[in-house]
């Protein structure tokens, strides 16, 4: 049962007993109602006639654990990729709550700890196994995202010359930037935008990756 015990019922009605002279009485040892553990328990049935003559037979009660353990998974876990845009799964088994009616349980994880996963959602399956090889599973998701900003290096200050109207039209400087990211290609934008007309003096250009 839930306490890893078994209460012996009354098996006397299962015996076939007879006598040449009188009715018989069948008794059981261990008695009905006795609580036994896992394993084998020998039951002795004794038949007694009206003259107190007796005969005994025995059989075994084989008690096993066929109750699955219980397991509860943690909530979905949010993680971030590394510089190579990968995430290495840690061991989440300690976050599970697992129990069994008879024995300690072992919790295993699939995909296994140390598995490298990409961006996105990965479903983790945690399995609890008890001493009788009964199992229970639960699942949760690992949500892997990219929280690392890209890098960008601007060119040196650029010198330009005004035209006959004393204006200067900004070219596209984005190709002069050096930009990189751990997960994807980057898009470089410029402000003020290429084609903007500026006058003499200094104009600050912001390049964003």
Protein backbone atom coordinates (compact mmCIF):
# COMPACT_ATOMS: atom_id res chain seq x y z
CA UNK A 1 0.00 0.00 0.00
CA UNK A 2 1.03 3.65 0.23
CA UNK A 3 3.10 2.80 3.33
CA UNK A 4 4.89 -0.09 1.57
CA UNK A 5 3.03 -2.65 3.68
CA UNK A 6 0.62 -5.46 2.85
CA UNK A 7 -2.16 -6.61 5.19
CA UNK A 8 -2.76 -10.35 4.97
CA UNK A 9 -6.37 -11.23 4.15
CA UNK A 10 -8.15 -14.38 5.34
CA UNK A 11 -6.97 -17.16 3.02
CA UNK A 12 -8.76 -19.99 4.86
CA UNK A 13 -11.63 -20.03 2.38
CA UNK A 14 -9.17 -20.92 -0.37
CA UNK A 15 -8.25 -24.22 1.28
CA UNK A 16 -9.93 -27.50 0.40
CA UNK A 17 -10.33 -29.50 3.62
CA UNK A 18 -12.29 -32.61 4.56
CA UNK A 19 -12.53 -35.21 7.32
CA UNK A 20 -13.94 -38.73 7.59
CA UNK A 21 -15.98 -38.07 10.71
CA UNK A 22 -16.79 -34.41 11.32
CA UNK A 23 -16.75 -30.89 10.07
CA UNK A 24 -13.36 -29.19 10.13
CA UNK A 25 -12.06 -25.81 11.14
CA UNK A 26 -9.29 -24.09 9.17
CA UNK A 27 -6.99 -21.55 10.86
CA UNK A 28 -4.25 -19.36 9.41
CA UNK A 29 -0.78 -18.37 10.59
CA UNK A 30 0.23 -15.49 10.36
CA UNK A 31 -3.30 -14.47 11.18
CA UNK A 32 -5.49 -12.40 8.86
CA UNK A 33 -4.80 -8.71 9.46
CA UNK A 34 -1.07 -9.23 10.00
CA UNK A 35 1.00 -6.54 8.23
CA UNK A 36 3.96 -7.82 6.21
CA UNK A 37 6.66 -6.14 4.12
CA UNK A 38 7.92 -6.69 0.61
CA UNK A 39 9.10 -10.20 -0.23
CA UNK A 40 7.88 -13.71 0.54
CA UNK A 41 5.78 -14.66 3.56
CA UNK A 42 4.90 -18.32 4.21
CA UNK A 43 1.28 -18.93 5.19
CA UNK A 44 0.41 -22.07 7.15
CA UNK A 45 -3.21 -23.29 7.06
CA UNK A 46 -4.16 -25.85 9.68
CA UNK A 47 -7.30 -27.97 9.56
CA UNK A 48 -8.68 -29.37 12.82
CA UNK A 49 -11.44 -31.96 13.08
CA UNK A 50 -13.88 -32.66 15.93
CA UNK A 51 -11.37 -34.98 17.63
CA UNK A 52 -8.59 -32.35 17.54
CA UNK A 53 -6.74 -34.17 14.82
CA UNK A 54 -4.88 -31.72 12.53
CA UNK A 55 -3.27 -31.39 9.14
CA UNK A 56 -1.27 -28.46 7.78
CA UNK A 57 -0.40 -27.09 4.36
CA UNK A 58 1.64 -24.05 3.36
CA UNK A 59 1.94 -21.57 0.52
CA UNK A 60 3.78 -18.31 -0.01
CA UNK A 61 2.45 -14.79 -0.39
CA UNK A 62 4.79 -12.87 -2.71
CA UNK A 63 4.46 -9.15 -1.99
CA UNK A 64 5.86 -6.74 -4.58
CA UNK A 65 5.86 -2.99 -5.21
CA UNK A 66 4.01 -2.05 -8.38
CA UNK A 67 3.21 1.53 -7.35
CA UNK A 68 4.89 4.17 -9.46
CA UNK A 69 6.84 6.90 -7.70
CA UNK A 70 5.72 10.52 -7.97
CA UNK A 71 7.72 13.37 -9.50
CA UNK A 72 7.08 17.08 -10.00
CA UNK A 73 9.21 19.18 -12.36
CA UNK A 74 10.29 22.78 -11.86
CA UNK A 75 8.81 25.59 -13.90
CA UNK A 76 10.24 26.39 -17.33
CA UNK A 77 13.82 27.63 -17.05
CA UNK A 78 15.12 30.72 -18.90
CA UNK A 79 18.76 30.55 -19.98
CA UNK A 80 21.19 32.50 -22.20
CA UNK A 81 23.60 31.28 -24.86
CA UNK A 82 27.36 31.67 -24.56
CA UNK A 83 29.82 33.41 -26.87
CA UNK A 84 29.41 30.59 -29.39
CA UNK A 85 25.61 30.92 -29.39
CA UNK A 86 25.25 27.61 -27.56
CA UNK A 87 23.93 26.63 -24.15
CA UNK A 88 25.17 23.63 -22.18
CA UNK A 89 22.39 21.97 -20.21
CA UNK A 90 23.14 21.74 -16.49
CA UNK A 91 21.88 18.98 -14.19
CA UNK A 92 18.27 19.91 -13.40
CA UNK A 93 17.49 16.70 -11.44
CA UNK A 94 17.94 18.43 -8.08
CA UNK A 95 15.06 20.77 -8.97
CA UNK A 96 12.59 17.87 -9.12
CA UNK A 97 10.45 16.76 -6.18
CA UNK A 98 10.28 12.96 -6.19
CA UNK A 99 8.99 10.39 -3.70
CA UNK A 100 8.03 6.73 -3.47
CA UNK A 101 6.02 4.53 -1.11
CA UNK A 102 8.80 1.97 -0.59
CA UNK A 103 12.27 3.22 -1.43
CA UNK A 104 14.48 6.10 -2.38
CA UNK A 105 14.18 7.21 -5.99
CA UNK A 106 16.77 7.99 -8.63
CA UNK A 107 16.04 10.91 -10.94
CA UNK A 108 17.55 10.96 -14.45
CA UNK A 109 17.45 13.65 -17.14
CA UNK A 110 17.00 13.58 -20.91
CA UNK A 111 18.70 15.26 -22.77
CA UNK A 112 21.53 14.51 -20.37
CA UNK A 113 23.42 17.20 -18.47
CA UNK A 114 26.25 18.51 -20.63
CA UNK A 115 24.23 18.37 -23.85
CA UNK A 116 24.75 21.50 -25.97
CA UNK A 117 21.55 23.07 -27.34
CA UNK A 118 20.85 26.04 -29.59
CA UNK A 119 18.54 29.00 -29.29
CA UNK A 120 14.89 28.27 -28.70
CA UNK A 121 12.94 25.78 -26.61
CA UNK A 122 14.25 22.39 -25.49
CA UNK A 123 11.98 19.99 -23.59
CA UNK A 124 13.59 18.30 -20.59
CA UNK A 125 12.24 14.94 -19.37
CA UNK A 126 12.98 13.98 -15.77
CA UNK A 127 12.33 10.34 -14.81
CA UNK A 128 12.02 9.01 -11.25
CA UNK A 129 12.84 5.31 -10.78
CA UNK A 130 12.21 3.43 -7.53
CA UNK A 131 13.85 0.30 -6.16
CA UNK A 132 11.35 -1.93 -7.97
CA UNK A 133 12.03 -0.24 -11.33
CA UNK A 134 8.67 1.53 -11.35
CA UNK A 135 8.94 4.92 -13.05
CA UNK A 136 7.22 8.28 -13.39
CA UNK A 137 8.12 11.22 -15.62
CA UNK A 138 7.52 14.94 -15.86
CA UNK A 139 8.63 17.58 -18.36
CA UNK A 140 9.50 21.25 -18.54
CA UNK A 141 11.03 23.53 -21.17
CA UNK A 142 14.39 25.29 -21.22
CA UNK A 143 13.95 28.57 -23.08
CA UNK A 144 17.32 29.64 -24.47
CA UNK A 145 17.67 33.19 -25.73
CA UNK A 146 20.42 35.54 -26.90
CA UNK A 147 20.96 38.31 -24.36
CA UNK A 148 24.46 39.30 -25.54
CA UNK A 149 24.75 42.59 -27.42
CA UNK A 150 26.75 42.63 -30.64
CA UNK A 151 30.06 44.47 -30.85
CA UNK A 152 30.84 47.37 -33.16
CA UNK A 153 33.90 49.50 -33.81
CA UNK A 154 33.60 52.77 -35.70
CA UNK A 155 36.16 54.13 -38.17
CA UNK A 156 38.34 57.09 -37.28
CA UNK A 157 36.96 60.59 -37.75
CA UNK A 158 36.33 61.30 -41.42
CA UNK A 159 37.18 64.53 -43.24
CA UNK A 160 34.90 65.79 -46.03
CA UNK A 161 34.76 68.85 -48.28
CA UNK A 162 31.71 71.00 -48.93
CA UNK A 163 30.35 71.45 -52.41
CA UNK A 164 29.84 74.73 -54.31
CA UNK A 165 26.82 75.44 -52.12
CA UNK A 166 28.92 75.04 -48.94
CA UNK A 167 27.08 71.81 -48.07
CA UNK A 168 28.26 68.25 -47.60
CA UNK A 169 26.11 65.20 -48.31
CA UNK A 170 26.82 62.38 -45.85
CA UNK A 171 27.85 59.14 -47.55
CA UNK A 172 27.05 55.65 -46.20
CA UNK A 173 29.70 54.99 -43.53
CA UNK A 174 28.23 51.65 -42.36
CA UNK A 175 30.69 49.61 -44.42
CA UNK A 176 33.55 51.19 -42.46
CA UNK A 177 32.33 49.69 -39.19
CA UNK A 178 33.56 46.37 -37.82
CA UNK A 179 30.60 44.56 -36.25
CA UNK A 180 30.10 41.02 -34.96
CA UNK A 181 27.67 38.97 -32.89
CA UNK A 182 27.74 35.62 -31.09
CA UNK A 183 24.59 34.31 -32.77
CA UNK A 184 23.77 35.99 -36.06
CA UNK A 185 24.72 38.43 -38.77
CA UNK A 186 24.34 42.06 -37.78
CA UNK A 187 22.79 45.01 -39.55
CA UNK A 188 24.54 48.37 -39.20
CA UNK A 189 22.50 51.55 -39.47
CA UNK A 190 23.63 55.17 -39.55
CA UNK A 191 22.29 58.36 -37.98
CA UNK A 192 22.12 60.96 -39.53
CA UNK A 193 21.21 58.77 -42.48
CA UNK A 194 23.28 58.64 -45.67
CA UNK A 195 22.20 61.44 -47.99
CA UNK A 196 21.68 63.92 -45.19
CA UNK A 197 23.09 67.35 -46.10
CA UNK A 198 25.24 69.01 -43.42
CA UNK A 199 27.10 72.28 -43.29
CA UNK A 200 30.69 73.04 -42.39
CA UNK A 201 31.80 71.96 -38.96
CA UNK A 202 31.59 68.74 -37.02
CA UNK A 203 28.71 66.27 -37.35
CA UNK A 204 28.57 63.28 -35.01
CA UNK A 205 27.72 60.03 -36.76
CA UNK A 206 26.16 57.18 -34.73
CA UNK A 207 26.51 53.70 -36.16
CA UNK A 208 24.31 51.05 -34.52
CA UNK A 209 24.76 47.29 -34.89
